[in-house]
Amino acid sequence: MTILTEQTLRLPRSSRSDTAHQLLAILSEFLTLVALLIAVVAVILVDIRILENRLGELSLTELLQSALVLGMVLTFVTCAYLNARSRGCLIALSTLFACMLIRENDAFFDLIRHGFWVIPAGIIAVVGATCCYLNRDSLAEPFVRYFRTRHATLIHLGFLLLMVFSRLFGTGSLWQFVMGADYNAVIKTVVQEGLELLGYALMAYGLFMSSTRRPATI
C-alpha cells in the first residue's frame, strides 16, 4: 500500500511552472476581454458625448466596424494564400466577410443607386464560390477542425451577436413598445450599433488569436 506523503503529493517544479504560466495566460485574456468591452462602450460615448453625432455612416462606431471587418477579410485572404491545407475553408470565410463588409457600407453604394451593394456582393459571392469549388478538398475538414478550437468560439459568439441578437434586440418595434410615447430612435440605434460593434470586436479578437498563436489554428 502506497502512503501518500507531502512529498509525493507535491507537484514537480516544471509542472508548477507550466500551471503558473497557464493561469497567467488565462488572467491576461480575461483582462483583454474586459478591456475590449470597455473600449466598445468608450467608442459609443465618444460618438454621442464628444462628436455629438447619431451614429451615422461616418460615425466613429461605423468606421471602426468597417475597419474591423476589413481587417478580418485581409487576414483570411492572407491565410488562404499561405495555407494550402485550409485554403477552401479560408476562401469561404473571406467571401462571407467580404460580403458583410459591402453590406455594412451599403449607404455609400446607395449613392450610385439604391440597393446597388447587391451587385458587388453578388460578384464576390460568385467568385468566392467558384474558388471554393476549385479548392473543395480543403473546405469541410479544415472548417470542422478550426471551429472546434477555443478562439473560434469567440468568432461563433460574435457572429451570432451581430447577425441575430443585435437585429432582434435592436428592432424599432421592440423599443417603441418599451418606451411608448417617449420613444427615441437614437436610443434604439445606440443599442443596435453597440451590439454590432461588440460582435465585430469579438470576432476580430478571436481571429487575431487564432492566426497569431503558435502553432496557428487556422
Protein backbone atom coordinates (compact mmCIF):
# COMPACT_ATOMS: atom_id res chain seq x y z
CA MET A 1 0.00 0.00 0.00
CA THR A 2 1.43 3.38 -1.03
CA ILE A 3 1.48 6.02 1.69
CA LEU A 4 0.78 9.49 0.32
CA THR A 5 3.10 11.95 1.95
CA GLU A 6 3.50 15.69 1.46
CA GLN A 7 6.50 14.99 -0.72
CA THR A 8 4.67 12.57 -3.01
CA LEU A 9 1.72 14.95 -3.39
CA ARG A 10 3.96 17.86 -4.29
CA LEU A 11 3.91 18.71 -8.00
CA PRO A 12 7.19 18.68 -9.91
CA ARG A 13 8.75 22.11 -10.33
CA SER A 14 8.24 22.06 -14.11
CA SER A 15 4.56 21.19 -13.68
CA ARG A 16 4.04 24.04 -11.21
CA SER A 17 5.75 26.41 -13.63
CA ASP A 18 3.51 25.32 -16.51
CA THR A 19 0.41 25.77 -14.34
CA ALA A 20 1.54 29.26 -13.34
CA HIS A 21 2.07 30.21 -17.00
CA GLN A 22 -1.39 28.88 -17.92
CA LEU A 23 -3.04 30.81 -15.09
CA LEU A 24 -1.22 33.95 -16.17
CA ALA A 25 -2.41 33.42 -19.75
CA ILE A 26 -6.00 32.97 -18.56
CA LEU A 27 -5.82 36.13 -16.46
CA SER A 28 -4.27 38.04 -19.36
CA GLU A 29 -7.03 37.00 -21.76
CA PHE A 30 -9.70 37.81 -19.17
CA LEU A 31 -8.34 41.33 -18.72
CA THR A 32 -8.02 41.75 -22.50
CA LEU A 33 -11.68 40.87 -22.98
CA VAL A 34 -12.67 43.25 -20.17
CA ALA A 35 -10.69 45.99 -21.91
CA LEU A 36 -12.43 45.09 -25.18
CA LEU A 37 -15.87 45.51 -23.60
CA ILE A 38 -14.87 48.83 -22.05
CA ALA A 39 -13.48 50.03 -25.40
CA VAL A 40 -16.79 49.33 -27.16
CA VAL A 41 -18.68 51.46 -24.64
CA ALA A 42 -15.99 54.16 -24.85
CA VAL A 43 -16.35 54.40 -28.63
CA ILE A 44 -20.13 54.86 -28.31
CA LEU A 45 -19.62 57.54 -25.66
CA VAL A 46 -17.14 59.39 -27.86
CA ASP A 47 -19.67 59.43 -30.70
CA ILE A 48 -22.56 60.58 -28.50
CA ARG A 49 -20.88 62.91 -26.00
CA ILE A 50 -17.85 64.33 -27.83
CA LEU A 51 -18.60 64.11 -31.54
CA GLU A 52 -22.32 64.61 -30.88
CA ASN A 53 -23.48 62.53 -33.80
CA ARG A 54 -26.29 59.99 -34.04
CA LEU A 55 -24.10 57.08 -35.09
CA GLY A 56 -24.49 57.71 -38.78
CA GLU A 57 -22.44 56.19 -41.56
CA LEU A 58 -19.45 58.46 -40.84
CA SER A 59 -19.51 57.97 -37.07
CA LEU A 60 -16.52 56.54 -35.25
CA THR A 61 -18.58 53.45 -34.41
CA GLU A 62 -19.47 52.72 -38.02
CA LEU A 63 -15.96 53.41 -39.28
CA LEU A 64 -14.48 51.11 -36.64
CA GLN A 65 -16.94 48.36 -37.58
CA SER A 66 -15.83 48.62 -41.21
CA ALA A 67 -12.16 48.66 -40.20
CA LEU A 68 -12.57 45.51 -38.11
CA VAL A 69 -14.35 43.53 -40.81
CA LEU A 70 -11.85 44.75 -43.44
CA GLY A 71 -9.03 43.54 -41.20
CA MET A 72 -10.71 40.14 -40.92
CA VAL A 73 -11.12 39.88 -44.69
CA LEU A 74 -7.45 40.67 -45.27
CA THR A 75 -6.42 38.19 -42.56
CA PHE A 76 -8.48 35.37 -44.07
CA VAL A 77 -7.19 36.16 -47.58
CA THR A 78 -3.58 36.17 -46.37
CA CYS A 79 -4.04 32.90 -44.50
CA ALA A 80 -5.69 31.35 -47.58
CA TYR A 81 -2.69 32.34 -49.68
CA LEU A 82 -0.22 30.88 -47.17
CA ASN A 83 -2.09 27.77 -46.08
CA ALA A 84 -2.96 25.38 -48.90
CA ARG A 85 -4.26 22.71 -46.50
CA SER A 86 -7.12 25.00 -45.37
CA ARG A 87 -7.46 27.17 -48.48
CA GLY A 88 -11.03 26.23 -49.35
CA CYS A 89 -12.25 26.95 -45.83
CA LEU A 90 -10.39 30.25 -45.66
CA ILE A 91 -11.69 31.36 -49.06
CA ALA A 92 -15.24 30.67 -47.89
CA LEU A 93 -14.71 32.75 -44.76
CA SER A 94 -13.03 35.51 -46.79
CA THR A 95 -16.03 35.61 -49.11
CA LEU A 96 -18.52 35.74 -46.25
CA PHE A 97 -16.79 38.63 -44.51
CA ALA A 98 -16.17 40.50 -47.77
CA CYS A 99 -19.92 40.41 -48.45
CA MET A 100 -20.53 41.58 -44.88
CA LEU A 101 -18.13 44.48 -45.46
CA ILE A 102 -20.03 45.56 -48.56
CA ARG A 103 -23.39 45.27 -46.76
CA GLU A 104 -22.02 47.27 -43.82
CA ASN A 105 -21.22 50.13 -46.23
CA ASP A 106 -24.38 49.90 -48.30
CA ALA A 107 -25.11 53.62 -47.76
CA PHE A 108 -22.09 54.54 -49.87
CA PHE A 109 -23.20 52.21 -52.68
CA ASP A 110 -26.67 53.79 -52.47
CA LEU A 111 -25.04 56.98 -53.79
CA ILE A 112 -24.75 55.14 -57.10
CA ARG A 113 -28.18 53.56 -56.94
CA HIS A 114 -30.40 52.35 -54.12
CA GLY A 115 -29.57 48.73 -53.36
CA PHE A 116 -26.51 48.78 -55.58
CA TRP A 117 -24.48 46.96 -52.89
CA VAL A 118 -26.11 43.72 -54.06
CA ILE A 119 -24.14 43.81 -57.33
CA PRO A 120 -20.55 43.87 -55.92
CA ALA A 121 -21.60 41.50 -53.14
CA GLY A 122 -23.04 39.12 -55.73
CA ILE A 123 -19.88 39.25 -57.83
CA ILE A 124 -17.72 38.49 -54.79
CA ALA A 125 -20.05 35.65 -53.79
CA VAL A 126 -19.86 34.05 -57.24
CA VAL A 127 -16.06 34.39 -57.43
CA GLY A 128 -15.70 33.06 -53.89
CA ALA A 129 -18.00 30.11 -54.55
CA THR A 130 -16.02 29.24 -57.68
CA CYS A 131 -12.73 29.36 -55.77
CA CYS A 132 -14.24 27.24 -53.01
CA TYR A 133 -15.29 24.65 -55.57
CA LEU A 134 -11.80 24.56 -57.06
CA ASN A 135 -10.40 24.05 -53.54
CA ARG A 136 -13.21 21.82 -52.26
CA ASP A 137 -10.77 19.22 -50.91
CA SER A 138 -9.64 21.76 -48.29
CA LEU A 139 -13.09 23.05 -47.37
CA ALA A 140 -15.07 20.85 -44.99
CA GLU A 141 -12.44 19.12 -42.83
CA PRO A 142 -10.43 22.31 -42.03
CA PHE A 143 -13.70 24.12 -41.30
CA VAL A 144 -14.73 21.50 -38.72
CA ARG A 145 -11.24 21.40 -37.25
CA TYR A 146 -10.96 25.15 -36.92
CA PHE A 147 -14.37 25.73 -35.36
CA ARG A 148 -13.60 23.18 -32.67
CA THR A 149 -10.82 25.42 -31.39
CA ARG A 150 -11.21 27.69 -28.41
CA HIS A 151 -10.76 31.05 -30.07
CA ALA A 152 -13.07 30.12 -32.93
CA THR A 153 -15.81 30.06 -30.29
CA LEU A 154 -15.41 33.83 -29.99
CA ILE A 155 -16.00 34.13 -33.73
CA HIS A 156 -19.13 31.99 -33.31
CA LEU A 157 -20.43 34.18 -30.49
CA GLY A 158 -19.54 37.42 -32.24
CA PHE A 159 -21.25 36.30 -35.44
CA LEU A 160 -24.44 35.31 -33.59
CA LEU A 161 -24.39 38.56 -31.63
CA LEU A 162 -24.00 40.54 -34.84
CA MET A 163 -26.36 38.70 -37.18
CA VAL A 164 -29.06 37.55 -34.75
CA PHE A 165 -29.16 39.22 -31.35
CA SER A 166 -28.36 42.78 -32.44
CA ARG A 167 -31.03 42.57 -35.14
CA LEU A 168 -33.69 41.26 -32.75
CA PHE A 169 -32.81 43.41 -29.74
CA GLY A 170 -32.38 46.48 -31.93
CA THR A 171 -35.79 46.17 -33.55
CA GLY A 172 -37.59 49.50 -33.60
CA SER A 173 -40.96 47.97 -32.68
CA LEU A 174 -39.46 46.47 -29.51
CA TRP A 175 -38.18 49.83 -28.30
CA GLN A 176 -41.39 51.57 -29.32
CA PHE A 177 -43.28 49.12 -27.10
CA VAL A 178 -40.83 49.59 -24.21
CA MET A 179 -40.66 53.40 -24.38
CA GLY A 180 -44.17 54.17 -25.56
CA ALA A 181 -44.77 57.85 -26.21
CA ASP A 182 -41.19 58.61 -25.13
CA TYR A 183 -39.71 56.54 -27.96
CA ASN A 184 -36.43 57.94 -29.24
CA ALA A 185 -34.88 56.32 -32.32
CA VAL A 186 -31.40 57.36 -31.20
CA ILE A 187 -31.60 55.03 -28.19
CA LYS A 188 -32.53 52.11 -30.45
CA THR A 189 -29.63 52.99 -32.77
CA VAL A 190 -27.15 53.20 -29.88
CA VAL A 191 -28.20 49.77 -28.62
CA GLN A 192 -28.04 48.11 -32.04
CA GLU A 193 -24.79 49.72 -33.16
CA GLY A 194 -23.16 48.98 -29.81
CA LEU A 195 -24.09 45.31 -30.08
CA GLU A 196 -22.83 45.18 -33.66
CA LEU A 197 -19.52 46.74 -32.68
CA LEU A 198 -19.16 44.23 -29.85
CA GLY A 199 -19.86 41.38 -32.27
CA TYR A 200 -17.22 42.60 -34.71
CA ALA A 201 -14.73 43.13 -31.87
CA LEU A 202 -15.19 39.59 -30.53
CA MET A 203 -14.78 38.09 -34.00
CA ALA A 204 -11.69 40.18 -34.71
CA TYR A 205 -10.13 39.20 -31.38
CA GLY A 206 -10.88 35.51 -31.94
CA LEU A 207 -9.37 35.64 -35.43
CA PHE A 208 -6.32 37.55 -34.22
CA MET A 209 -5.63 34.98 -31.50
CA SER A 210 -6.19 32.08 -33.92
CA SER A 211 -3.86 33.43 -36.58
CA THR A 212 -1.02 34.67 -34.33
CA ARG A 213 -0.66 31.87 -31.79
CA ARG A 214 1.97 29.21 -32.40
CA PRO A 215 1.15 26.76 -33.80
CA ALA A 216 -1.53 28.66 -35.68
CA THR A 217 -5.02 27.09 -35.52
CA ILE A 218 -6.16 28.47 -38.85
